[in-house]
C-alpha cells in the first residue's frame, strides 16, 4: 500500500521526497497565519507517521525541515513563533522517543547546523524574537512530565545553550565585520571548537571560505576548502569507505600546501 511505499528505504525514496517537497514548499512560500498553522499540524502528523525518514539514513530531510522551522522561530508574529517552537520541540521529542529515550543526536546536530547556516542567510537571527523561541523550547522540555526523569530536559537545555553560544560568537563577528582578519580569526576559533563534530566544522569552514571569496582572498578561500576536503577524507577513512593509504597520500598533499 501507499504507506509501505513511503517507508521504503527508511523513507528515503523518490515518492517520499516528492511528498516532503510539497510540505517544504508550503514553508518556503509566504502563507497566511492560518495556513501556516495548518501546515505545522500536517508536519506533526508526517513526523509521527514516518519517523525513520527524519531519524535514520541520510539527514537531508531532517536538515531541511530544521532550517525552515527555525526561520519561523524568528517570525514577527508571536503566534507563529510559538507554533514553530513547539513543532521543533516535537521533532526533538519524537527523535528521543524513537531511540528508546536514549538521545536525539540527529535533531540536535541538524538544529545547530541550521542555526549556523541561518546566521549567514537571515537578517536579525538571534535577536529578541529568536531568544524567546529558545525559551519556549526550554519551557516545553521542563513542563513535559512524561520525560521529566530522563536526560531529555538537560539535553534540550544544552542544545539551547550551544545555540546561544553560536549567536554570541556571531554578534562578535558582526562587530568586526569591517575587519576581515579579525572576522576570520573568530570564525576559525568557532570552527576549532567543533573539532569533534565534522559536520559543524565543515559548516563554519564553508562560511569562512565565503568571507574570503567576498574579500577577494582566493588563496585563503582555497585553503578552507582543502581543510573541508581533509575532513571528508578523514571521515570516509574512518568509515572504511576509502583506504587509509589513500588518506595518508592526501594528508601529505594537504601539508605541502598548508
C-alpha atoms as a PDB file:
ATOM      1  CA  UNK A   1       0.000   0.000   0.000  1.00  0.00           C
ATOM      2  CA  UNK A   2       0.935   3.681  -0.101  1.00  0.00           C
ATOM      3  CA  UNK A   3       2.323   3.780   3.445  1.00  0.00           C
ATOM      4  CA  UNK A   4       4.677   0.884   2.741  1.00  0.00           C
ATOM      5  CA  UNK A   5       5.848   2.600  -0.450  1.00  0.00           C
ATOM      6  CA  UNK A   6       6.594   5.758   1.522  1.00  0.00           C
ATOM      7  CA  UNK A   7       8.522   3.723   4.121  1.00  0.00           C
ATOM      8  CA  UNK A   8      10.774   2.060   1.533  1.00  0.00           C
ATOM      9  CA  UNK A   9      14.468   2.538   2.384  1.00  0.00           C
ATOM     10  CA  UNK A  10      13.522   4.090   5.764  1.00  0.00           C
ATOM     11  CA  UNK A  11      11.557   6.816   3.997  1.00  0.00           C
ATOM     12  CA  UNK A  12      14.390   7.808   1.677  1.00  0.00           C
ATOM     13  CA  UNK A  13      12.740   7.160  -1.675  1.00  0.00           C
ATOM     14  CA  UNK A  14      11.526   9.273  -4.635  1.00  0.00           C
ATOM     15  CA  UNK A  15       7.868   9.155  -3.555  1.00  0.00           C
ATOM     16  CA  UNK A  16       8.559  10.373  -0.014  1.00  0.00           C
ATOM     17  CA  UNK A  17      10.897  13.029  -1.413  1.00  0.00           C
ATOM     18  CA  UNK A  18       8.051  14.398  -3.560  1.00  0.00           C
ATOM     19  CA  UNK A  19       5.641  14.383  -0.617  1.00  0.00           C
ATOM     20  CA  UNK A  20       8.177  16.097   1.633  1.00  0.00           C
ATOM     21  CA  UNK A  21       8.981  18.696  -1.040  1.00  0.00           C
ATOM     22  CA  UNK A  22       5.297  19.706  -1.098  1.00  0.00           C
ATOM     23  CA  UNK A  23       5.386  20.342   2.659  1.00  0.00           C
ATOM     24  CA  UNK A  24       8.679  22.183   2.290  1.00  0.00           C
ATOM     25  CA  UNK A  25       7.222  24.369  -0.459  1.00  0.00           C
ATOM     26  CA  UNK A  26       4.423  25.468   1.888  1.00  0.00           C
ATOM     27  CA  UNK A  27       7.053  26.528   4.432  1.00  0.00           C
ATOM     28  CA  UNK A  28       9.203  28.352   1.888  1.00  0.00           C
ATOM     29  CA  UNK A  29       6.381  30.420   0.351  1.00  0.00           C
ATOM     30  CA  UNK A  30       4.572  33.270   2.076  1.00  0.00           C
ATOM     31  CA  UNK A  31       1.436  31.944   3.774  1.00  0.00           C
ATOM     32  CA  UNK A  32      -1.334  33.356   5.927  1.00  0.00           C
ATOM     33  CA  UNK A  33      -1.150  32.759   9.662  1.00  0.00           C
ATOM     34  CA  UNK A  34      -3.990  30.220   9.497  1.00  0.00           C
ATOM     35  CA  UNK A  35      -2.452  28.345   6.568  1.00  0.00           C
ATOM     36  CA  UNK A  36       0.903  28.116   8.344  1.00  0.00           C
ATOM     37  CA  UNK A  37      -0.662  26.715  11.493  1.00  0.00           C
ATOM     38  CA  UNK A  38      -2.334  24.009   9.401  1.00  0.00           C
ATOM     39  CA  UNK A  39       0.991  23.225   7.707  1.00  0.00           C
ATOM     40  CA  UNK A  40       2.602  22.820  11.146  1.00  0.00           C
ATOM     41  CA  UNK A  41      -0.189  20.414  12.179  1.00  0.00           C
ATOM     42  CA  UNK A  42       0.263  18.404   8.966  1.00  0.00           C
ATOM     43  CA  UNK A  43       4.024  18.235   9.563  1.00  0.00           C
ATOM     44  CA  UNK A  44       3.479  16.847  13.057  1.00  0.00           C
ATOM     45  CA  UNK A  45       1.419  14.050  11.505  1.00  0.00           C
ATOM     46  CA  UNK A  46       4.111  13.361   8.886  1.00  0.00           C
ATOM     47  CA  UNK A  47       6.874  13.211  11.519  1.00  0.00           C
ATOM     48  CA  UNK A  48       4.784  10.965  13.775  1.00  0.00           C
ATOM     49  CA  UNK A  49       3.803   8.514  10.999  1.00  0.00           C
ATOM     50  CA  UNK A  50       7.174   8.372   9.241  1.00  0.00           C
ATOM     51  CA  UNK A  51       9.856   8.959  11.906  1.00  0.00           C
ATOM     52  CA  UNK A  52      12.546   6.908  10.135  1.00  0.00           C
ATOM     53  CA  UNK A  53      12.522   9.484   7.311  1.00  0.00           C
ATOM     54  CA  UNK A  54      13.921  12.056   9.716  1.00  0.00           C
ATOM     55  CA  UNK A  55      15.890   9.959  12.193  1.00  0.00           C
ATOM     56  CA  UNK A  56      17.552   7.241  10.095  1.00  0.00           C
ATOM     57  CA  UNK A  57      19.734   7.149   6.998  1.00  0.00           C
ATOM     58  CA  UNK A  58      20.525  10.405   5.248  1.00  0.00           C
ATOM     59  CA  UNK A  59      19.948  13.618   7.196  1.00  0.00           C
ATOM     60  CA  UNK A  60      18.879  15.793   4.241  1.00  0.00           C
ATOM     61  CA  UNK A  61      15.141  15.900   5.034  1.00  0.00           C
ATOM     62  CA  UNK A  62      15.679  16.416   8.768  1.00  0.00           C
ATOM     63  CA  UNK A  63      18.164  19.164   7.944  1.00  0.00           C
ATOM     64  CA  UNK A  64      15.831  20.959   5.512  1.00  0.00           C
ATOM     65  CA  UNK A  65      12.943  20.780   7.980  1.00  0.00           C
ATOM     66  CA  UNK A  66      15.012  22.146  10.886  1.00  0.00           C
ATOM     67  CA  UNK A  67      16.213  25.029   8.711  1.00  0.00           C
ATOM     68  CA  UNK A  68      12.696  26.100   7.700  1.00  0.00           C
ATOM     69  CA  UNK A  69      11.198  25.695  11.184  1.00  0.00           C
ATOM     70  CA  UNK A  70      13.996  27.761  12.724  1.00  0.00           C
ATOM     71  CA  UNK A  71      13.257  30.581  10.285  1.00  0.00           C
ATOM     72  CA  UNK A  72       9.736  30.739  11.689  1.00  0.00           C
ATOM     73  CA  UNK A  73      11.170  30.813  15.214  1.00  0.00           C
ATOM     74  CA  UNK A  74      12.244  34.322  14.210  1.00  0.00           C
ATOM     75  CA  UNK A  75       8.816  35.337  12.851  1.00  0.00           C
ATOM     76  CA  UNK A  76       7.373  38.758  13.659  1.00  0.00           C
ATOM     77  CA  UNK A  77       4.128  37.049  14.705  1.00  0.00           C
ATOM     78  CA  UNK A  78       4.301  35.695  18.245  1.00  0.00           C
ATOM     79  CA  UNK A  79       1.691  33.016  17.492  1.00  0.00           C
ATOM     80  CA  UNK A  80       3.794  31.668  14.603  1.00  0.00           C
ATOM     81  CA  UNK A  81       6.952  31.746  16.748  1.00  0.00           C
ATOM     82  CA  UNK A  82       5.153  29.731  19.409  1.00  0.00           C
ATOM     83  CA  UNK A  83       3.817  27.182  16.895  1.00  0.00           C
ATOM     84  CA  UNK A  84       7.243  26.841  15.240  1.00  0.00           C
ATOM     85  CA  UNK A  85       8.984  26.402  18.605  1.00  0.00           C
ATOM     86  CA  UNK A  86       6.506  23.724  19.628  1.00  0.00           C
ATOM     87  CA  UNK A  87       6.929  21.934  16.285  1.00  0.00           C
ATOM     88  CA  UNK A  88      10.711  21.941  16.682  1.00  0.00           C
ATOM     89  CA  UNK A  89      10.276  20.615  20.221  1.00  0.00           C
ATOM     90  CA  UNK A  90       8.011  17.871  18.852  1.00  0.00           C
ATOM     91  CA  UNK A  91      10.681  16.916  16.290  1.00  0.00           C
ATOM     92  CA  UNK A  92      13.290  16.607  19.060  1.00  0.00           C
ATOM     93  CA  UNK A  93      10.945  14.818  21.469  1.00  0.00           C
ATOM     94  CA  UNK A  94       9.862  12.349  18.797  1.00  0.00           C
ATOM     95  CA  UNK A  95      13.528  11.701  17.956  1.00  0.00           C
ATOM     96  CA  UNK A  96      14.170  10.972  21.653  1.00  0.00           C
ATOM     97  CA  UNK A  97      11.255   8.507  21.762  1.00  0.00           C
ATOM     98  CA  UNK A  98      12.396   6.888  18.507  1.00  0.00           C
ATOM     99  CA  UNK A  99      15.777   5.999  20.040  1.00  0.00           C
ATOM    100  CA  UNK A 100      14.136   4.383  23.057  1.00  0.00           C
ATOM    101  CA  UNK A 101      14.555   7.532  25.147  1.00  0.00           C
ATOM    102  CA  UNK A 102      18.343   7.490  24.752  1.00  0.00           C
ATOM    103  CA  UNK A 103      19.113  10.674  22.801  1.00  0.00           C
ATOM    104  CA  UNK A 104      18.064  12.999  19.992  1.00  0.00           C
ATOM    105  CA  UNK A 105      21.514  13.345  18.429  1.00  0.00           C
ATOM    106  CA  UNK A 106      20.221  13.573  14.839  1.00  0.00           C
ATOM    107  CA  UNK A 107      17.924  16.536  15.501  1.00  0.00           C
ATOM    108  CA  UNK A 108      20.390  18.155  17.933  1.00  0.00           C
ATOM    109  CA  UNK A 109      23.112  18.234  15.287  1.00  0.00           C
ATOM    110  CA  UNK A 110      20.855  19.378  12.441  1.00  0.00           C
ATOM    111  CA  UNK A 111      19.455  22.235  14.551  1.00  0.00           C
ATOM    112  CA  UNK A 112      22.961  23.544  15.319  1.00  0.00           C
ATOM    113  CA  UNK A 113      23.993  23.249  11.664  1.00  0.00           C
ATOM    114  CA  UNK A 114      20.810  25.037  10.547  1.00  0.00           C
ATOM    115  CA  UNK A 115      21.373  27.871  13.038  1.00  0.00           C
ATOM    116  CA  UNK A 116      24.929  28.241  11.724  1.00  0.00           C
ATOM    117  CA  UNK A 117      23.586  28.480   8.165  1.00  0.00           C
ATOM    118  CA  UNK A 118      20.761  30.858   9.090  1.00  0.00           C
ATOM    119  CA  UNK A 119      23.206  33.294  10.642  1.00  0.00           C
ATOM    120  CA  UNK A 120      24.590  33.959   7.168  1.00  0.00           C
ATOM    121  CA  UNK A 121      21.216  33.786   5.394  1.00  0.00           C
ATOM    122  CA  UNK A 122      18.684  35.582   7.615  1.00  0.00           C
ATOM    123  CA  UNK A 123      18.967  39.150   8.864  1.00  0.00           C
ATOM    124  CA  UNK A 124      18.283  39.539  12.576  1.00  0.00           C
ATOM    125  CA  UNK A 125      18.532  35.891  13.551  1.00  0.00           C
ATOM    126  CA  UNK A 126      19.499  35.703  17.203  1.00  0.00           C
ATOM    127  CA  UNK A 127      17.547  38.778  18.273  1.00  0.00           C
ATOM    128  CA  UNK A 128      14.867  39.006  20.967  1.00  0.00           C
ATOM    129  CA  UNK A 129      12.278  37.099  18.937  1.00  0.00           C
ATOM    130  CA  UNK A 130      14.580  34.137  18.362  1.00  0.00           C
ATOM    131  CA  UNK A 131      15.690  34.125  22.003  1.00  0.00           C
ATOM    132  CA  UNK A 132      12.032  33.954  23.062  1.00  0.00           C
ATOM    133  CA  UNK A 133      11.576  30.888  20.856  1.00  0.00           C
ATOM    134  CA  UNK A 134      14.538  29.193  22.539  1.00  0.00           C
ATOM    135  CA  UNK A 135      12.910  29.903  25.909  1.00  0.00           C
ATOM    136  CA  UNK A 136       9.636  28.350  24.701  1.00  0.00           C
ATOM    137  CA  UNK A 137      11.508  25.179  23.689  1.00  0.00           C
ATOM    138  CA  UNK A 138      13.190  25.017  27.118  1.00  0.00           C
ATOM    139  CA  UNK A 139       9.853  25.514  28.862  1.00  0.00           C
ATOM    140  CA  UNK A 140       8.276  22.715  26.814  1.00  0.00           C
ATOM    141  CA  UNK A 141      11.029  20.344  27.977  1.00  0.00           C
ATOM    142  CA  UNK A 142      10.776  21.431  31.615  1.00  0.00           C
ATOM    143  CA  UNK A 143       6.981  21.053  31.675  1.00  0.00           C
ATOM    144  CA  UNK A 144       6.849  17.683  29.899  1.00  0.00           C
ATOM    145  CA  UNK A 145       6.066  15.338  32.795  1.00  0.00           C
ATOM    146  CA  UNK A 146       6.474  12.114  30.807  1.00  0.00           C
ATOM    147  CA  UNK A 147      10.194  12.672  30.260  1.00  0.00           C
ATOM    148  CA  UNK A 148      10.829  14.580  33.488  1.00  0.00           C
ATOM    149  CA  UNK A 149      13.119  11.877  34.925  1.00  0.00           C
ATOM    150  CA  UNK A 150      15.141  11.317  31.747  1.00  0.00           C
ATOM    151  CA  UNK A 151      18.148  13.150  30.306  1.00  0.00           C
ATOM    152  CA  UNK A 152      15.928  14.912  27.760  1.00  0.00           C
ATOM    153  CA  UNK A 153      15.284  18.219  29.613  1.00  0.00           C
ATOM    154  CA  UNK A 154      19.005  18.716  30.335  1.00  0.00           C
ATOM    155  CA  UNK A 155      19.872  17.748  26.745  1.00  0.00           C
ATOM    156  CA  UNK A 156      17.436  20.364  25.437  1.00  0.00           C
ATOM    157  CA  UNK A 157      18.946  22.929  27.804  1.00  0.00           C
ATOM    158  CA  UNK A 158      22.414  22.015  26.486  1.00  0.00           C
ATOM    159  CA  UNK A 159      21.205  22.475  22.900  1.00  0.00           C
ATOM    160  CA  UNK A 160      19.728  25.931  23.518  1.00  0.00           C
ATOM    161  CA  UNK A 161      22.900  26.897  25.406  1.00  0.00           C
ATOM    162  CA  UNK A 162      25.012  25.835  22.412  1.00  0.00           C
ATOM    163  CA  UNK A 163      22.785  27.862  20.090  1.00  0.00           C
ATOM    164  CA  UNK A 164      23.185  30.935  22.284  1.00  0.00           C
ATOM    165  CA  UNK A 165      26.983  30.427  22.275  1.00  0.00           C
ATOM    166  CA  UNK A 166      26.970  30.394  18.471  1.00  0.00           C
ATOM    167  CA  UNK A 167      24.784  33.522  18.419  1.00  0.00           C
ATOM    168  CA  UNK A 168      27.097  35.353  20.853  1.00  0.00           C
ATOM    169  CA  UNK A 169      30.103  34.466  18.720  1.00  0.00           C
ATOM    170  CA  UNK A 170      28.214  35.744  15.698  1.00  0.00           C
ATOM    171  CA  UNK A 171      27.473  39.025  17.461  1.00  0.00           C
ATOM    172  CA  UNK A 172      31.230  39.437  17.972  1.00  0.00           C
ATOM    173  CA  UNK A 173      31.752  38.733  14.285  1.00  0.00           C
ATOM    174  CA  UNK A 174      29.205  41.428  13.458  1.00  0.00           C
ATOM    175  CA  UNK A 175      31.229  43.933  15.487  1.00  0.00           C
ATOM    176  CA  UNK A 176      34.311  43.101  13.427  1.00  0.00           C
ATOM    177  CA  UNK A 177      32.625  42.727  10.024  1.00  0.00           C
ATOM    178  CA  UNK A 178      34.808  45.519   8.604  1.00  0.00           C
ATOM    179  CA  UNK A 179      37.962  43.840   9.891  1.00  0.00           C
ATOM    180  CA  UNK A 180      38.372  40.768   7.633  1.00  0.00           C
ATOM    181  CA  UNK A 181      41.323  39.334   9.578  1.00  0.00           C
ATOM    182  CA  UNK A 182      39.611  39.562  12.972  1.00  0.00           C
ATOM    183  CA  UNK A 183      36.390  38.209  11.466  1.00  0.00           C
ATOM    184  CA  UNK A 184      38.101  35.144  10.046  1.00  0.00           C
ATOM    185  CA  UNK A 185      40.019  34.604  13.315  1.00  0.00           C
ATOM    186  CA  UNK A 186      36.698  34.466  15.164  1.00  0.00           C
ATOM    187  CA  UNK A 187      35.273  32.088  12.558  1.00  0.00           C
ATOM    188  CA  UNK A 188      38.341  29.872  12.834  1.00  0.00           C
ATOM    189  CA  UNK A 189      38.118  29.758  16.648  1.00  0.00           C
ATOM    190  CA  UNK A 190      34.495  28.671  16.395  1.00  0.00           C
ATOM    191  CA  UNK A 191      35.362  26.064  13.758  1.00  0.00           C
ATOM    192  CA  UNK A 192      38.102  24.662  16.041  1.00  0.00           C
ATOM    193  CA  UNK A 193      35.617  24.354  18.894  1.00  0.00           C
ATOM    194  CA  UNK A 194      33.701  21.926  16.689  1.00  0.00           C
ATOM    195  CA  UNK A 195      36.737  19.683  16.115  1.00  0.00           C
ATOM    196  CA  UNK A 196      34.825  16.655  17.404  1.00  0.00           C
ATOM    197  CA  UNK A 197      31.839  17.350  15.123  1.00  0.00           C
ATOM    198  CA  UNK A 198      32.944  17.246  11.457  1.00  0.00           C
ATOM    199  CA  UNK A 199      29.565  18.408  10.091  1.00  0.00           C
ATOM    200  CA  UNK A 200      29.615  21.594  12.171  1.00  0.00           C
ATOM    201  CA  UNK A 201      33.263  22.287  11.465  1.00  0.00           C
ATOM    202  CA  UNK A 202      32.573  21.941   7.742  1.00  0.00           C
ATOM    203  CA  UNK A 203      29.681  24.424   8.018  1.00  0.00           C
ATOM    204  CA  UNK A 204      31.912  27.084   9.552  1.00  0.00           C
ATOM    205  CA  UNK A 205      34.847  26.419   7.216  1.00  0.00           C
ATOM    206  CA  UNK A 206      32.439  26.904   4.299  1.00  0.00           C
ATOM    207  CA  UNK A 207      31.339  30.174   5.897  1.00  0.00           C
ATOM    208  CA  UNK A 208      34.973  31.294   6.251  1.00  0.00           C
ATOM    209  CA  UNK A 209      35.575  30.454   2.592  1.00  0.00           C
ATOM    210  CA  UNK A 210      32.618  32.633   1.531  1.00  0.00           C
ATOM    211  CA  UNK A 211      34.041  35.560   3.516  1.00  0.00           C
ATOM    212  CA  UNK A 212      37.450  35.116   1.875  1.00  0.00           C
ATOM    213  CA  UNK A 213      35.889  34.987  -1.609  1.00  0.00           C
ATOM    214  CA  UNK A 214      33.859  38.117  -0.825  1.00  0.00           C
ATOM    215  CA  UNK A 215      37.079  39.914   0.168  1.00  0.00           C
ATOM    216  CA  UNK A 216      38.947  38.656  -2.894  1.00  0.00           C
ATOM    217  CA  UNK A 217      41.265  36.431  -0.837  1.00  0.00           C
ATOM    218  CA  UNK A 218      41.014  33.414  -3.122  1.00  0.00           C
ATOM    219  CA  UNK A 219      44.102  31.582  -1.814  1.00  0.00           C
ATOM    220  CA  UNK A 220      42.721  31.672   1.732  1.00  0.00           C
ATOM    221  CA  UNK A 221      39.322  30.501   0.461  1.00  0.00           C
ATOM    222  CA  UNK A 222      41.022  27.611  -1.324  1.00  0.00           C
ATOM    223  CA  UNK A 223      42.754  26.586   1.918  1.00  0.00           C
ATOM    224  CA  UNK A 224      39.384  26.482   3.691  1.00  0.00           C
ATOM    225  CA  UNK A 225      38.093  24.102   1.031  1.00  0.00           C
ATOM    226  CA  UNK A 226      41.254  21.990   1.356  1.00  0.00           C
ATOM    227  CA  UNK A 227      40.514  21.726   5.092  1.00  0.00           C
ATOM    228  CA  UNK A 228      36.947  20.674   4.257  1.00  0.00           C
ATOM    229  CA  UNK A 229      38.240  18.039   1.833  1.00  0.00           C
ATOM    230  CA  UNK A 230      40.592  16.732   4.554  1.00  0.00           C
ATOM    231  CA  UNK A 231      37.673  16.450   6.989  1.00  0.00           C
ATOM    232  CA  UNK A 232      35.647  14.490   4.445  1.00  0.00           C
ATOM    233  CA  UNK A 233      38.620  12.232   3.617  1.00  0.00           C
ATOM    234  CA  UNK A 234      39.220  11.513   7.311  1.00  0.00           C
ATOM    235  CA  UNK A 235      35.545  10.726   7.854  1.00  0.00           C
ATOM    236  CA  UNK A 236      35.432   8.361   4.861  1.00  0.00           C
ATOM    237  CA  UNK A 237      38.610   6.640   6.059  1.00  0.00           C
ATOM    238  CA  UNK A 238      37.118   6.012   9.488  1.00  0.00           C
ATOM    239  CA  UNK A 239      34.013   4.579   7.852  1.00  0.00           C
ATOM    240  CA  UNK A 240      36.199   2.325   5.723  1.00  0.00           C
ATOM    241  CA  UNK A 241      34.865   3.867   2.508  1.00  0.00           C
ATOM    242  CA  UNK A 242      38.384   4.737   1.316  1.00  0.00           C
ATOM    243  CA  UNK A 243      41.689   3.023   2.119  1.00  0.00           C
ATOM    244  CA  UNK A 244      43.910   4.575   4.779  1.00  0.00           C
ATOM    245  CA  UNK A 245      46.835   4.574   2.315  1.00  0.00           C
ATOM    246  CA  UNK A 246      44.878   6.964   0.080  1.00  0.00           C
ATOM    247  CA  UNK A 247      44.120   9.158   3.091  1.00  0.00           C
ATOM    248  CA  UNK A 248      47.833   9.279   4.027  1.00  0.00           C
ATOM    249  CA  UNK A 249      48.708  10.398   0.482  1.00  0.00           C
ATOM    250  CA  UNK A 250      46.016  13.075   0.725  1.00  0.00           C
ATOM    251  CA  UNK A 251      47.386  14.352   4.049  1.00  0.00           C
ATOM    252  CA  UNK A 252      50.894  14.628   2.553  1.00  0.00           C
ATOM    253  CA  UNK A 253      49.463  16.712  -0.286  1.00  0.00           C
ATOM    254  CA  UNK A 254      47.490  18.784   2.231  1.00  0.00           C
ATOM    255  CA  UNK A 255      50.601  19.505   4.325  1.00  0.00           C
ATOM    256  CA  UNK A 256      52.588  20.503   1.233  1.00  0.00           C
ATOM    257  CA  UNK A 257      50.022  23.237   0.507  1.00  0.00           C
ATOM    258  CA  UNK A 258      49.440  24.271   4.100  1.00  0.00           C
END
